Amino acid sequence: MTMPSRRASGRVLANGDILRIEAITRRGLMVRRLLEPDRATGHRRFTDQAFRYDGYQSSDLAYAINRAQCAVGRRC
């Protein structure tokens, strides 16, 4: 999911960022961005703070995209 004008945990969202939906509100989705795995445990980590994301109309589901599609220029 991308939306260059939004900041997630101190940085602008980038193409290929994965967001987890925390809540659905009247104003948009509340999401957290996936971080690097925890080095000690290997478990997934997400940003501490959820933020509103309203660019979902132009995003793709993370589980529906593979790296081959990214390599040929599709949104990732």
PDB file of N, CA and C in Angstrom:
ATOM      1  N   MET A   1       0.849  -1.169   0.000  1.00  0.00           N
ATOM      2  CA  MET A   1       0.000   0.000   0.000  1.00  0.00           C
ATOM      3  C   MET A   1       0.895   1.232   0.000  1.00  0.00           C
ATOM      4  N   THR A   2       0.580   2.150  -0.819  1.00  0.00           N
ATOM      5  CA  THR A   2       1.410   3.341  -0.841  1.00  0.00           C
ATOM      6  C   THR A   2       0.565   4.589  -0.779  1.00  0.00           C
ATOM      7  N   MET A   3       1.129   5.579  -0.178  1.00  0.00           N
ATOM      8  CA  MET A   3       0.526   6.899  -0.136  1.00  0.00           C
ATOM      9  C   MET A   3       1.630   7.853   0.284  1.00  0.00           C
ATOM     10  N   PRO A   4       2.383   8.401  -0.660  1.00  0.00           N
ATOM     11  CA  PRO A   4       3.565   9.186  -0.343  1.00  0.00           C
ATOM     12  C   PRO A   4       3.347  10.340   0.620  1.00  0.00           C
ATOM     13  N   SER A   5       2.141  10.889   0.720  1.00  0.00           N
ATOM     14  CA  SER A   5       1.930  12.025   1.601  1.00  0.00           C
ATOM     15  C   SER A   5       1.757  11.616   3.061  1.00  0.00           C
ATOM     16  N   ARG A   6       1.597  10.346   3.342  1.00  0.00           N
ATOM     17  CA  ARG A   6       1.396   9.873   4.707  1.00  0.00           C
ATOM     18  C   ARG A   6       2.726   9.478   5.338  1.00  0.00           C
ATOM     19  N   ARG A   7       2.856   9.764   6.624  1.00  0.00           N
ATOM     20  CA  ARG A   7       4.047   9.342   7.360  1.00  0.00           C
ATOM     21  C   ARG A   7       3.677   8.199   8.285  1.00  0.00           C
ATOM     22  N   ALA A   8       4.533   7.205   8.344  1.00  0.00           N
ATOM     23  CA  ALA A   8       4.322   6.055   9.209  1.00  0.00           C
ATOM     24  C   ALA A   8       5.579   5.850  10.037  1.00  0.00           C
ATOM     25  N   SER A   9       5.458   6.060  11.307  1.00  0.00           N
ATOM     26  CA  SER A   9       6.592   5.866  12.203  1.00  0.00           C
ATOM     27  C   SER A   9       7.792   6.690  11.762  1.00  0.00           C
ATOM     28  N   GLY A  10       7.540   7.959  11.460  1.00  0.00           N
ATOM     29  CA  GLY A  10       8.633   8.863  11.162  1.00  0.00           C
ATOM     30  C   GLY A  10       9.102   8.902   9.723  1.00  0.00           C
ATOM     31  N   ARG A  11       8.490   8.148   8.831  1.00  0.00           N
ATOM     32  CA  ARG A  11       8.911   8.207   7.432  1.00  0.00           C
ATOM     33  C   ARG A  11       7.702   8.090   6.518  1.00  0.00           C
ATOM     34  N   VAL A  12       7.885   8.542   5.287  1.00  0.00           N
ATOM     35  CA  VAL A  12       6.823   8.466   4.287  1.00  0.00           C
ATOM     36  C   VAL A  12       6.659   7.008   3.867  1.00  0.00           C
ATOM     37  N   LEU A  13       5.427   6.590   3.653  1.00  0.00           N
ATOM     38  CA  LEU A  13       5.192   5.231   3.170  1.00  0.00           C
ATOM     39  C   LEU A  13       5.844   5.047   1.807  1.00  0.00           C
ATOM     40  N   ALA A  14       6.352   3.851   1.579  1.00  0.00           N
ATOM     41  CA  ALA A  14       7.025   3.544   0.319  1.00  0.00           C
ATOM     42  C   ALA A  14       6.285   2.420  -0.394  1.00  0.00           C
ATOM     43  N   ASN A  15       6.495   2.333  -1.682  1.00  0.00           N
ATOM     44  CA  ASN A  15       5.935   1.248  -2.466  1.00  0.00           C
ATOM     45  C   ASN A  15       6.415  -0.073  -1.873  1.00  0.00           C
ATOM     46  N   GLY A  16       5.510  -0.979  -1.605  1.00  0.00           N
ATOM     47  CA  GLY A  16       5.883  -2.267  -1.029  1.00  0.00           C
ATOM     48  C   GLY A  16       5.689  -2.348   0.474  1.00  0.00           C
ATOM     49  N   ASP A  17       5.435  -1.230   1.149  1.00  0.00           N
ATOM     50  CA  ASP A  17       5.158  -1.279   2.585  1.00  0.00           C
ATOM     51  C   ASP A  17       3.901  -2.104   2.827  1.00  0.00           C
ATOM     52  N   ILE A  18       3.907  -2.845   3.920  1.00  0.00           N
ATOM     53  CA  ILE A  18       2.759  -3.657   4.290  1.00  0.00           C
ATOM     54  C   ILE A  18       2.120  -3.045   5.525  1.00  0.00           C
ATOM     55  N   LEU A  19       0.803  -2.867   5.459  1.00  0.00           N
ATOM     56  CA  LEU A  19       0.048  -2.272   6.557  1.00  0.00           C
ATOM     57  C   LEU A  19      -0.933  -3.291   7.114  1.00  0.00           C
ATOM     58  N   ARG A  20      -1.070  -3.285   8.432  1.00  0.00           N
ATOM     59  CA  ARG A  20      -2.069  -4.135   9.098  1.00  0.00           C
ATOM     60  C   ARG A  20      -3.223  -3.247   9.539  1.00  0.00           C
ATOM     61  N   ILE A  21      -4.437  -3.618   9.194  1.00  0.00           N
ATOM     62  CA  ILE A  21      -5.610  -2.836   9.577  1.00  0.00           C
ATOM     63  C   ILE A  21      -5.934  -3.115  11.038  1.00  0.00           C
ATOM     64  N   GLU A  22      -5.983  -2.041  11.828  1.00  0.00           N
ATOM     65  CA  GLU A  22      -6.313  -2.136  13.250  1.00  0.00           C
ATOM     66  C   GLU A  22      -7.781  -1.832  13.497  1.00  0.00           C
ATOM     67  N   ALA A  23      -8.339  -0.893  12.728  1.00  0.00           N
ATOM     68  CA  ALA A  23      -9.737  -0.496  12.909  1.00  0.00           C
ATOM     69  C   ALA A  23     -10.244   0.147  11.626  1.00  0.00           C
ATOM     70  N   ILE A  24     -11.544   0.060  11.440  1.00  0.00           N
ATOM     71  CA  ILE A  24     -12.210   0.727  10.324  1.00  0.00           C
ATOM     72  C   ILE A  24     -13.100   1.804  10.939  1.00  0.00           C
ATOM     73  N   THR A  25     -12.856   3.054  10.559  1.00  0.00           N
ATOM     74  CA  THR A  25     -13.621   4.167  11.112  1.00  0.00           C
ATOM     75  C   THR A  25     -14.327   4.906   9.984  1.00  0.00           C
ATOM     76  N   ARG A  26     -15.174   5.845  10.341  1.00  0.00           N
ATOM     77  CA  ARG A  26     -15.859   6.662   9.330  1.00  0.00           C
ATOM     78  C   ARG A  26     -14.871   7.523   8.552  1.00  0.00           C
ATOM     79  N   ARG A  27     -13.739   7.864   9.156  1.00  0.00           N
ATOM     80  CA  ARG A  27     -12.758   8.738   8.517  1.00  0.00           C
ATOM     81  C   ARG A  27     -11.704   7.975   7.721  1.00  0.00           C
ATOM     82  N   GLY A  28     -11.659   6.664   7.835  1.00  0.00           N
ATOM     83  CA  GLY A  28     -10.670   5.873   7.113  1.00  0.00           C
ATOM     84  C   GLY A  28     -10.186   4.702   7.944  1.00  0.00           C
ATOM     85  N   LEU A  29      -9.195   4.024   7.436  1.00  0.00           N
ATOM     86  CA  LEU A  29      -8.619   2.874   8.131  1.00  0.00           C
ATOM     87  C   LEU A  29      -7.561   3.334   9.125  1.00  0.00           C
ATOM     88  N   MET A  30      -7.498   2.671  10.272  1.00  0.00           N
ATOM     89  CA  MET A  30      -6.405   2.870  11.217  1.00  0.00           C
ATOM     90  C   MET A  30      -5.473   1.680  11.016  1.00  0.00           C
ATOM     91  N   VAL A  31      -4.214   1.963  10.687  1.00  0.00           N
ATOM     92  CA  VAL A  31      -3.277   0.907  10.305  1.00  0.00           C
ATOM     93  C   VAL A  31      -1.951   1.058  11.050  1.00  0.00           C
ATOM     94  N   ARG A  32      -1.167  -0.013  11.021  1.00  0.00           N
ATOM     95  CA  ARG A  32       0.221  -0.003  11.506  1.00  0.00           C
ATOM     96  C   ARG A  32       1.081  -0.580  10.385  1.00  0.00           C
ATOM     97  N   ARG A  33       2.296  -0.041  10.238  1.00  0.00           N
ATOM     98  CA  ARG A  33       3.217  -0.495   9.189  1.00  0.00           C
ATOM     99  C   ARG A  33       4.092  -1.627   9.712  1.00  0.00           C
ATOM    100  N   LEU A  34       4.307  -2.633   8.874  1.00  0.00           N
ATOM    101  CA  LEU A  34       5.174  -3.760   9.208  1.00  0.00           C
ATOM    102  C   LEU A  34       6.620  -3.288   9.253  1.00  0.00           C
ATOM    103  N   LEU A  35       7.328  -3.668  10.320  1.00  0.00           N
ATOM    104  CA  LEU A  35       8.747  -3.348  10.482  1.00  0.00           C
ATOM    105  C   LEU A  35       9.581  -4.589  10.193  1.00  0.00           C
ATOM    106  N   GLU A  36      10.889  -4.462  10.335  1.00  0.00           N
ATOM    107  CA  GLU A  36      11.775  -5.626  10.225  1.00  0.00           C
ATOM    108  C   GLU A  36      11.450  -6.596  11.360  1.00  0.00           C
ATOM    109  N   PRO A  37      11.654  -7.888  11.154  1.00  0.00           N
ATOM    110  CA  PRO A  37      11.379  -8.852  12.227  1.00  0.00           C
ATOM    111  C   PRO A  37      12.270  -8.600  13.449  1.00  0.00           C
ATOM    112  N   ASP A  38      11.792  -9.004  14.607  1.00  0.00           N
ATOM    113  CA  ASP A  38      12.585  -8.924  15.831  1.00  0.00           C
ATOM    114  C   ASP A  38      13.823  -9.799  15.655  1.00  0.00           C
ATOM    115  N   ARG A  39      14.999  -9.257  15.919  1.00  0.00           N
ATOM    116  CA  ARG A  39      16.248 -10.009  15.667  1.00  0.00           C
ATOM    117  C   ARG A  39      16.394 -11.215  16.578  1.00  0.00           C
ATOM    118  N   ALA A  40      15.903 -11.115  17.784  1.00  0.00           N
ATOM    119  CA  ALA A  40      16.057 -12.222  18.735  1.00  0.00           C
ATOM    120  C   ALA A  40      15.079 -13.355  18.476  1.00  0.00           C
ATOM    121  N   THR A  41      13.835 -13.009  18.152  1.00  0.00           N
ATOM    122  CA  THR A  41      12.797 -14.042  18.025  1.00  0.00           C
ATOM    123  C   THR A  41      12.372 -14.330  16.596  1.00  0.00           C
ATOM    124  N   GLY A  42      12.592 -13.375  15.694  1.00  0.00           N
ATOM    125  CA  GLY A  42      12.143 -13.535  14.318  1.00  0.00           C
ATOM    126  C   GLY A  42      10.674 -13.196  14.114  1.00  0.00           C
ATOM    127  N   HIS A  43       9.979 -12.780  15.187  1.00  0.00           N
ATOM    128  CA  HIS A  43       8.557 -12.449  15.088  1.00  0.00           C
ATOM    129  C   HIS A  43       8.339 -11.133  14.358  1.00  0.00           C
ATOM    130  N   ARG A  44       7.183 -11.029  13.719  1.00  0.00           N
ATOM    131  CA  ARG A  44       6.806  -9.786  13.043  1.00  0.00           C
ATOM    132  C   ARG A  44       6.656  -8.664  14.060  1.00  0.00           C
ATOM    133  N   ARG A  45       7.007  -7.459  13.620  1.00  0.00           N
ATOM    134  CA  ARG A  45       6.814  -6.268  14.447  1.00  0.00           C
ATOM    135  C   ARG A  45       6.102  -5.219  13.608  1.00  0.00           C
ATOM    136  N   PHE A  46       5.255  -4.439  14.263  1.00  0.00           N
ATOM    137  CA  PHE A  46       4.541  -3.343  13.613  1.00  0.00           C
ATOM    138  C   PHE A  46       4.822  -2.059  14.376  1.00  0.00           C
ATOM    139  N   THR A  47       4.611  -0.925  13.722  1.00  0.00           N
ATOM    140  CA  THR A  47       4.815   0.359  14.379  1.00  0.00           C
ATOM    141  C   THR A  47       3.977   0.420  15.657  1.00  0.00           C
ATOM    142  N   ASP A  48       4.488   1.152  16.654  1.00  0.00           N
ATOM    143  CA  ASP A  48       3.781   1.267  17.936  1.00  0.00           C
ATOM    144  C   ASP A  48       2.461   1.998  17.796  1.00  0.00           C
ATOM    145  N   GLN A  49       2.450   3.047  17.010  1.00  0.00           N
ATOM    146  CA  GLN A  49       1.260   3.878  16.866  1.00  0.00           C
ATOM    147  C   GLN A  49       0.532   3.552  15.566  1.00  0.00           C
ATOM    148  N   ALA A  50      -0.777   3.399  15.661  1.00  0.00           N
ATOM    149  CA  ALA A  50      -1.594   3.271  14.453  1.00  0.00           C
ATOM    150  C   ALA A  50      -1.810   4.670  13.876  1.00  0.00           C
ATOM    151  N   PHE A  51      -1.986   4.754  12.581  1.00  0.00           N
ATOM    152  CA  PHE A  51      -2.259   6.037  11.934  1.00  0.00           C
ATOM    153  C   PHE A  51      -3.371   5.842  10.914  1.00  0.00           C
ATOM    154  N   ARG A  52      -4.045   6.942  10.593  1.00  0.00           N
ATOM    155  CA  ARG A  52      -5.152   6.871   9.637  1.00  0.00           C
ATOM    156  C   ARG A  52      -4.608   6.760   8.221  1.00  0.00           C
ATOM    157  N   TYR A  53      -5.169   5.855   7.470  1.00  0.00           N
ATOM    158  CA  TYR A  53      -4.780   5.644   6.077  1.00  0.00           C
ATOM    159  C   TYR A  53      -6.041   5.658   5.229  1.00  0.00           C
ATOM    160  N   ASP A  54      -6.138   6.634   4.336  1.00  0.00           N
ATOM    161  CA  ASP A  54      -7.334   6.713   3.503  1.00  0.00           C
ATOM    162  C   ASP A  54      -7.030   6.500   2.027  1.00  0.00           C
ATOM    163  N   GLY A  55      -5.862   5.933   1.714  1.00  0.00           N
ATOM    164  CA  GLY A  55      -5.501   5.660   0.333  1.00  0.00           C
ATOM    165  C   GLY A  55      -5.763   4.232  -0.084  1.00  0.00           C
ATOM    166  N   TYR A  56      -6.644   3.560   0.642  1.00  0.00           N
ATOM    167  CA  TYR A  56      -6.882   2.145   0.375  1.00  0.00           C
ATOM    168  C   TYR A  56      -7.539   1.873  -0.972  1.00  0.00           C
ATOM    169  N   GLN A  57      -8.145   2.895  -1.598  1.00  0.00           N
ATOM    170  CA  GLN A  57      -8.788   2.666  -2.892  1.00  0.00           C
ATOM    171  C   GLN A  57      -7.775   2.292  -3.974  1.00  0.00           C
ATOM    172  N   SER A  58      -6.529   2.681  -3.792  1.00  0.00           N
ATOM    173  CA  SER A  58      -5.508   2.407  -4.810  1.00  0.00           C
ATOM    174  C   SER A  58      -4.418   1.492  -4.270  1.00  0.00           C
ATOM    175  N   SER A  59      -4.772   0.576  -3.385  1.00  0.00           N
ATOM    176  CA  SER A  59      -3.770  -0.316  -2.809  1.00  0.00           C
ATOM    177  C   SER A  59      -4.081  -1.762  -3.173  1.00  0.00           C
ATOM    178  N   ASP A  60      -3.099  -2.612  -2.991  1.00  0.00           N
ATOM    179  CA  ASP A  60      -3.239  -4.037  -3.269  1.00  0.00           C
ATOM    180  C   ASP A  60      -3.105  -4.811  -1.972  1.00  0.00           C
ATOM    181  N   LEU A  61      -3.739  -5.965  -1.903  1.00  0.00           N
ATOM    182  CA  LEU A  61      -3.602  -6.823  -0.734  1.00  0.00           C
ATOM    183  C   LEU A  61      -2.223  -7.463  -0.751  1.00  0.00           C
ATOM    184  N   ALA A  62      -1.538  -7.449   0.377  1.00  0.00           N
ATOM    185  CA  ALA A  62      -0.171  -7.965   0.445  1.00  0.00           C
ATOM    186  C   ALA A  62      -0.104  -9.443   0.086  1.00  0.00           C
ATOM    187  N   TYR A  63      -1.086 -10.216   0.499  1.00  0.00           N
ATOM    188  CA  TYR A  63      -1.029 -11.647   0.208  1.00  0.00           C
ATOM    189  C   TYR A  63      -1.366 -11.956  -1.248  1.00  0.00           C
ATOM    190  N   ALA A  64      -1.809 -10.965  -2.013  1.00  0.00           N
ATOM    191  CA  ALA A  64      -2.196 -11.192  -3.402  1.00  0.00           C
ATOM    192  C   ALA A  64      -1.111 -10.767  -4.393  1.00  0.00           C
ATOM    193  N   ILE A  65       0.032 -10.349  -3.898  1.00  0.00           N
ATOM    194  CA  ILE A  65       1.118  -9.870  -4.757  1.00  0.00           C
ATOM    195  C   ILE A  65       2.339 -10.748  -4.547  1.00  0.00           C
ATOM    196  N   ASN A  66       3.040 -11.022  -5.636  1.00  0.00           N
ATOM    197  CA  ASN A  66       4.305 -11.743  -5.483  1.00  0.00           C
ATOM    198  C   ASN A  66       5.429 -10.905  -6.085  1.00  0.00           C
ATOM    199  N   ARG A  67       6.635 -11.241  -5.794  1.00  0.00           N
ATOM    200  CA  ARG A  67       7.791 -10.459  -6.242  1.00  0.00           C
ATOM    201  C   ARG A  67       7.954 -10.480  -7.760  1.00  0.00           C
ATOM    202  N   ALA A  68       7.466 -11.506  -8.443  1.00  0.00           N
ATOM    203  CA  ALA A  68       7.555 -11.527  -9.900  1.00  0.00           C
ATOM    204  C   ALA A  68       6.737 -10.388 -10.497  1.00  0.00           C
ATOM    205  N   GLN A  69       5.572 -10.114  -9.909  1.00  0.00           N
ATOM    206  CA  GLN A  69       4.763  -8.979 -10.383  1.00  0.00           C
ATOM    207  C   GLN A  69       5.486  -7.672 -10.143  1.00  0.00           C
ATOM    208  N   CYS A  70       6.192  -7.567  -9.025  1.00  0.00           N
ATOM    209  CA  CYS A  70       6.946  -6.342  -8.736  1.00  0.00           C
ATOM    210  C   CYS A  70       8.044  -6.138  -9.778  1.00  0.00           C
ATOM    211  N   ALA A  71       8.677  -7.224 -10.177  1.00  0.00           N
ATOM    212  CA  ALA A  71       9.786  -7.131 -11.117  1.00  0.00           C
ATOM    213  C   ALA A  71       9.340  -6.651 -12.506  1.00  0.00           C
ATOM    214  N   VAL A  72       8.091  -6.898 -12.855  1.00  0.00           N
ATOM    215  CA  VAL A  72       7.611  -6.480 -14.168  1.00  0.00           C
ATOM    216  C   VAL A  72       6.867  -5.139 -14.117  1.00  0.00           C
ATOM    217  N   GLY A  73       7.015  -4.419 -13.013  1.00  0.00           N
ATOM    218  CA  GLY A  73       6.513  -3.065 -12.965  1.00  0.00           C
ATOM    219  C   GLY A  73       5.150  -2.856 -12.356  1.00  0.00           C
ATOM    220  N   ARG A  74       4.531  -3.880 -11.825  1.00  0.00           N
ATOM    221  CA  ARG A  74       3.241  -3.698 -11.141  1.00  0.00           C
ATOM    222  C   ARG A  74       3.484  -3.021  -9.810  1.00  0.00           C
ATOM    223  N   ARG A  75       2.449  -2.400  -9.282  1.00  0.00           N
ATOM    224  CA  ARG A  75       2.553  -1.799  -7.946  1.00  0.00           C
ATOM    225  C   ARG A  75       2.865  -2.884  -6.947  1.00  0.00           C
ATOM    226  N   CYS A  76       3.780  -2.612  -6.017  1.00  0.00           N
ATOM    227  CA  CYS A  76       4.112  -3.584  -4.973  1.00  0.00           C
ATOM    228  C   CYS A  76       4.317  -2.891  -3.654  1.00  0.00           C
TER     229      CYS A  76
END
